[in-house]
Protein backbone atom coordinates (compact mmCIF):
# COMPACT_ATOMS: atom_id res chain seq x y z
CA UNK A 1 -138.57 -216.30 -4.90
CA UNK A 2 -137.16 -218.11 -7.91
CA UNK A 3 -133.61 -217.85 -9.09
CA UNK A 4 -132.20 -216.31 -12.21
CA UNK A 5 -131.84 -219.06 -14.81
CA UNK A 6 -130.20 -219.34 -18.19
CA UNK A 7 -131.63 -221.21 -21.13
CA UNK A 8 -130.67 -221.83 -24.73
CA UNK A 9 -132.71 -220.52 -27.62
CA UNK A 10 -132.03 -221.35 -31.25
CA UNK A 11 -133.52 -219.39 -34.10
CA UNK A 12 -133.78 -222.21 -36.63
CA UNK A 13 -132.87 -222.16 -40.37
CA UNK A 14 -136.41 -221.42 -41.60
CA UNK A 15 -136.61 -218.25 -39.50
CA UNK A 16 -133.06 -217.10 -40.34
CA UNK A 17 -133.80 -217.69 -44.03
CA UNK A 18 -136.84 -215.38 -43.69
CA UNK A 19 -134.71 -212.84 -41.80
CA UNK A 20 -136.84 -212.98 -38.63
CA UNK A 21 -133.95 -212.83 -36.12
CA UNK A 22 -134.60 -209.23 -35.05
CA UNK A 23 -138.37 -209.76 -34.60
CA UNK A 24 -137.79 -212.92 -32.55
CA UNK A 25 -135.07 -211.30 -30.42
CA UNK A 26 -137.33 -208.32 -29.71
CA UNK A 27 -140.06 -210.74 -28.50
CA UNK A 28 -137.59 -212.16 -25.97
CA UNK A 29 -136.55 -208.69 -24.81
CA UNK A 30 -140.22 -207.62 -24.45
CA UNK A 31 -140.77 -210.64 -22.16
CA UNK A 32 -137.89 -209.59 -19.90
CA UNK A 33 -135.20 -211.94 -21.19
CA UNK A 34 -131.64 -210.71 -21.34
CA UNK A 35 -129.64 -212.03 -24.32
CA UNK A 36 -126.28 -212.61 -22.66
CA UNK A 37 -124.55 -214.35 -25.56
CA UNK A 38 -125.43 -214.91 -29.17
CA UNK A 39 -123.82 -216.03 -32.39
CA UNK A 40 -124.85 -216.92 -35.90
CA UNK A 41 -123.38 -220.24 -36.99
CA UNK A 42 -123.89 -223.02 -39.52
CA UNK A 43 -123.46 -226.40 -37.87
CA UNK A 44 -122.59 -229.66 -39.60
CA UNK A 45 -124.92 -232.67 -39.66
CA UNK A 46 -122.48 -234.39 -37.24
CA UNK A 47 -122.77 -231.49 -34.78
CA UNK A 48 -126.58 -231.55 -35.11
CA UNK A 49 -126.52 -235.30 -34.37
CA UNK A 50 -124.51 -234.65 -31.20
CA UNK A 51 -126.80 -231.81 -30.17
CA UNK A 52 -129.99 -233.86 -30.68
CA UNK A 53 -128.51 -237.11 -29.30
CA UNK A 54 -131.32 -237.22 -26.73
CA UNK A 55 -133.71 -237.88 -29.66
CA UNK A 56 -131.61 -240.43 -31.56
CA UNK A 57 -134.09 -243.31 -31.04
CA UNK A 58 -137.03 -241.27 -32.35
CA UNK A 59 -138.29 -241.57 -35.94
CA UNK A 60 -137.83 -237.84 -36.65
CA UNK A 61 -134.16 -237.78 -35.51
CA UNK A 62 -132.54 -237.87 -38.96
CA UNK A 63 -134.86 -235.20 -40.42
CA UNK A 64 -134.29 -233.02 -37.36
CA UNK A 65 -130.50 -233.23 -37.77
CA UNK A 66 -130.66 -232.59 -41.53
CA UNK A 67 -132.89 -229.58 -40.91
CA UNK A 68 -130.86 -227.96 -38.11
CA UNK A 69 -127.72 -228.25 -40.27
CA UNK A 70 -129.46 -227.05 -43.46
CA UNK A 71 -128.63 -223.37 -43.02
CA UNK A 72 -127.42 -220.72 -40.60
CA UNK A 73 -128.90 -220.61 -37.11
CA UNK A 74 -128.71 -218.05 -34.33
CA UNK A 75 -127.91 -219.52 -30.91
CA UNK A 76 -128.56 -217.39 -27.84
CA UNK A 77 -128.06 -217.71 -24.11
CA UNK A 78 -131.09 -216.11 -22.48
CA UNK A 79 -131.30 -215.11 -18.84
CA UNK A 80 -134.11 -214.13 -16.45
CA UNK A 81 -136.09 -215.55 -13.53
CA UNK A 82 -137.77 -218.81 -14.59
CA UNK A 83 -136.05 -218.57 -17.99
CA UNK A 84 -136.63 -222.22 -18.97
CA UNK A 85 -140.39 -222.32 -18.41
CA UNK A 86 -140.95 -218.75 -19.62
CA UNK A 87 -139.09 -219.56 -22.85
CA UNK A 88 -141.16 -222.73 -23.33
CA UNK A 89 -144.35 -220.70 -22.84
CA UNK A 90 -143.20 -217.99 -25.25
CA UNK A 91 -142.25 -220.56 -27.92
CA UNK A 92 -145.58 -222.39 -27.84
CA UNK A 93 -146.42 -225.94 -28.86
CA UNK A 94 -144.04 -227.85 -31.14
CA UNK A 95 -146.63 -227.86 -33.90
CA UNK A 96 -147.45 -224.24 -34.84
CA UNK A 97 -151.06 -225.31 -35.61
CA UNK A 98 -151.46 -226.26 -31.92
CA UNK A 99 -149.55 -223.27 -30.52
CA UNK A 100 -151.40 -220.54 -28.64
CA UNK A 101 -151.96 -217.13 -30.23
CA UNK A 102 -149.06 -214.77 -29.58
CA UNK A 103 -146.43 -217.50 -29.24
CA UNK A 104 -143.34 -217.52 -31.45
CA UNK A 105 -144.26 -220.76 -33.18
CA UNK A 106 -147.82 -219.55 -33.88
CA UNK A 107 -146.47 -216.29 -35.35
CA UNK A 108 -143.44 -217.58 -37.25
CA UNK A 109 -143.54 -221.40 -37.47
CA UNK A 110 -144.26 -223.01 -40.84
CA UNK A 111 -144.75 -226.64 -39.78
CA UNK A 112 -144.01 -229.09 -36.99
CA UNK A 113 -140.51 -229.51 -38.49
CA UNK A 114 -139.91 -225.87 -39.44
CA UNK A 115 -141.15 -224.36 -36.21
CA UNK A 116 -138.63 -221.48 -36.16
CA UNK A 117 -137.28 -221.80 -32.59
CA UNK A 118 -135.78 -224.30 -30.16
CA UNK A 119 -135.59 -223.88 -26.41
CA UNK A 120 -134.19 -226.03 -23.63
CA UNK A 121 -136.84 -228.15 -21.90
CA UNK A 122 -135.29 -228.25 -18.42
CA UNK A 123 -132.69 -226.50 -16.28
CA UNK A 124 -130.43 -229.57 -16.62
CA UNK A 125 -130.73 -229.64 -20.42
CA UNK A 126 -130.26 -225.87 -20.60
CA UNK A 127 -126.83 -226.27 -18.96
CA UNK A 128 -125.87 -229.09 -21.37
CA UNK A 129 -127.15 -227.19 -24.42
CA UNK A 130 -125.50 -223.89 -23.43
CA UNK A 131 -122.20 -225.72 -22.91
CA UNK A 132 -122.60 -227.33 -26.33
CA UNK A 133 -122.63 -223.94 -28.09
CA UNK A 134 -120.88 -221.61 -25.68
CA UNK A 135 -118.21 -223.67 -23.90
CA UNK A 136 -115.24 -221.31 -23.65
């Protein structure tokens, strides 16, 4: 029996701009996630650089940071059994063109850069990412 996990989900600027927060949140709730914390924030480029530090050697790093800080985002702490993997499956492939039907990125993503949602990729990173946004 697996344990209850928490994971981070971010509704990215392109989805907030199109006012998709409620649709995306309802998809999480339908899949059995509990939204235990959430807030709408606008982070600075410096904060985005800290958040995406794991990617700083990659060619897309600067664009990623500019994009995440380009407008308001909704950050959520999600909880359920197998939250990390279930969130990854619900989000779909990074590129919406490659994402499976029914996934969030297939439904709402515009491009590989504007793919509407972010989710932690491991239990370890989920802890780090949740602390980044929700450290009390």
